[in-house]
């Protein structure tokens, strides 16, 4: 498992649980919209590298450093 995926799981699972707890009595479309917003937010954080930084800071596992390979 790489650091980006671990960070997305660390952030995504609690956010999903909170969305479910707060929106379970709302219409299904509102809950699905919240899930789509969650996916977009996690995608953005992953694109800028924040999910990898979060995983490296919170987990005691040493993830391999990602380096840009020259073309």
C-alpha atoms as a PDB file:
ATOM      1  CA  UNK A   1       0.000   0.000   0.000  1.00  0.00           C
ATOM      2  CA  UNK A   2       1.424   3.371  -0.889  1.00  0.00           C
ATOM      3  CA  UNK A   3       1.226   6.511   1.219  1.00  0.00           C
ATOM      4  CA  UNK A   4      -1.357   8.216  -0.996  1.00  0.00           C
ATOM      5  CA  UNK A   5      -3.826   5.363  -0.669  1.00  0.00           C
ATOM      6  CA  UNK A   6      -3.247   5.065   3.079  1.00  0.00           C
ATOM      7  CA  UNK A   7      -3.830   8.800   3.521  1.00  0.00           C
ATOM      8  CA  UNK A   8      -7.014   8.661   1.476  1.00  0.00           C
ATOM      9  CA  UNK A   9      -8.292   5.836   3.669  1.00  0.00           C
ATOM     10  CA  UNK A  10      -7.304   7.708   6.843  1.00  0.00           C
ATOM     11  CA  UNK A  11      -9.287  10.742   5.710  1.00  0.00           C
ATOM     12  CA  UNK A  12     -12.085   9.092   3.745  1.00  0.00           C
ATOM     13  CA  UNK A  13     -13.430   6.502   6.154  1.00  0.00           C
ATOM     14  CA  UNK A  14     -14.157   8.898   9.054  1.00  0.00           C
ATOM     15  CA  UNK A  15     -15.650  11.439   6.646  1.00  0.00           C
ATOM     16  CA  UNK A  16     -17.896   8.755   5.168  1.00  0.00           C
ATOM     17  CA  UNK A  17     -19.080   7.707   8.640  1.00  0.00           C
ATOM     18  CA  UNK A  18     -19.829  11.315   9.600  1.00  0.00           C
ATOM     19  CA  UNK A  19     -21.718  11.904   6.343  1.00  0.00           C
ATOM     20  CA  UNK A  20     -23.724   8.732   6.877  1.00  0.00           C
ATOM     21  CA  UNK A  21     -24.519   9.637  10.496  1.00  0.00           C
ATOM     22  CA  UNK A  22     -25.620  13.167   9.654  1.00  0.00           C
ATOM     23  CA  UNK A  23     -27.457  12.457   6.404  1.00  0.00           C
ATOM     24  CA  UNK A  24     -29.044   9.039   6.949  1.00  0.00           C
ATOM     25  CA  UNK A  25     -32.543  10.516   7.330  1.00  0.00           C
ATOM     26  CA  UNK A  26     -32.201  12.844   4.343  1.00  0.00           C
ATOM     27  CA  UNK A  27     -33.169  11.841   0.800  1.00  0.00           C
ATOM     28  CA  UNK A  28     -30.733   9.464  -0.863  1.00  0.00           C
ATOM     29  CA  UNK A  29     -29.711  12.063  -3.454  1.00  0.00           C
ATOM     30  CA  UNK A  30     -28.320  14.348  -0.746  1.00  0.00           C
ATOM     31  CA  UNK A  31     -26.218  11.528   0.707  1.00  0.00           C
ATOM     32  CA  UNK A  32     -24.906  10.609  -2.745  1.00  0.00           C
ATOM     33  CA  UNK A  33     -24.037  14.253  -3.400  1.00  0.00           C
ATOM     34  CA  UNK A  34     -22.066  14.307  -0.147  1.00  0.00           C
ATOM     35  CA  UNK A  35     -20.187  11.169  -1.235  1.00  0.00           C
ATOM     36  CA  UNK A  36     -19.356  12.773  -4.588  1.00  0.00           C
ATOM     37  CA  UNK A  37     -18.073  15.871  -2.790  1.00  0.00           C
ATOM     38  CA  UNK A  38     -15.990  13.593  -0.554  1.00  0.00           C
ATOM     39  CA  UNK A  39     -14.491  11.875  -3.607  1.00  0.00           C
ATOM     40  CA  UNK A  40     -13.670  15.203  -5.268  1.00  0.00           C
ATOM     41  CA  UNK A  41     -12.053  16.500  -2.081  1.00  0.00           C
ATOM     42  CA  UNK A  42      -9.972  13.358  -1.635  1.00  0.00           C
ATOM     43  CA  UNK A  43      -8.971  13.503  -5.290  1.00  0.00           C
ATOM     44  CA  UNK A  44      -7.764  17.062  -4.884  1.00  0.00           C
ATOM     45  CA  UNK A  45      -5.827  16.228  -1.723  1.00  0.00           C
ATOM     46  CA  UNK A  46      -4.275  13.258  -3.465  1.00  0.00           C
ATOM     47  CA  UNK A  47      -3.335  15.357  -6.503  1.00  0.00           C
ATOM     48  CA  UNK A  48      -1.462  17.907  -4.402  1.00  0.00           C
ATOM     49  CA  UNK A  49       0.198  15.187  -2.303  1.00  0.00           C
ATOM     50  CA  UNK A  50      -1.479  15.950   1.005  1.00  0.00           C
ATOM     51  CA  UNK A  51      -2.806  12.420   1.535  1.00  0.00           C
ATOM     52  CA  UNK A  52       0.711  10.999   1.322  1.00  0.00           C
ATOM     53  CA  UNK A  53       1.985  13.570   3.804  1.00  0.00           C
ATOM     54  CA  UNK A  54      -0.825  12.735   6.227  1.00  0.00           C
ATOM     55  CA  UNK A  55      -0.117   9.001   6.021  1.00  0.00           C
ATOM     56  CA  UNK A  56       3.617   9.510   6.552  1.00  0.00           C
ATOM     57  CA  UNK A  57       2.935  11.679   9.593  1.00  0.00           C
ATOM     58  CA  UNK A  58       0.304   9.474  11.260  1.00  0.00           C
ATOM     59  CA  UNK A  59       1.460   5.930  10.512  1.00  0.00           C
ATOM     60  CA  UNK A  60       4.627   4.384  11.972  1.00  0.00           C
ATOM     61  CA  UNK A  61       5.317   2.551   8.688  1.00  0.00           C
ATOM     62  CA  UNK A  62       8.156   3.809   6.495  1.00  0.00           C
ATOM     63  CA  UNK A  63       6.692   4.437   3.058  1.00  0.00           C
ATOM     64  CA  UNK A  64       9.134   4.652   0.165  1.00  0.00           C
ATOM     65  CA  UNK A  65       9.826   8.208  -0.887  1.00  0.00           C
ATOM     66  CA  UNK A  66       8.275   9.139  -4.189  1.00  0.00           C
ATOM     67  CA  UNK A  67      10.675  10.994  -6.417  1.00  0.00           C
ATOM     68  CA  UNK A  68      10.092  12.492  -9.818  1.00  0.00           C
ATOM     69  CA  UNK A  69      11.910  10.486 -12.472  1.00  0.00           C
ATOM     70  CA  UNK A  70      13.437  12.519 -15.268  1.00  0.00           C
ATOM     71  CA  UNK A  71      11.997  11.869 -18.704  1.00  0.00           C
END
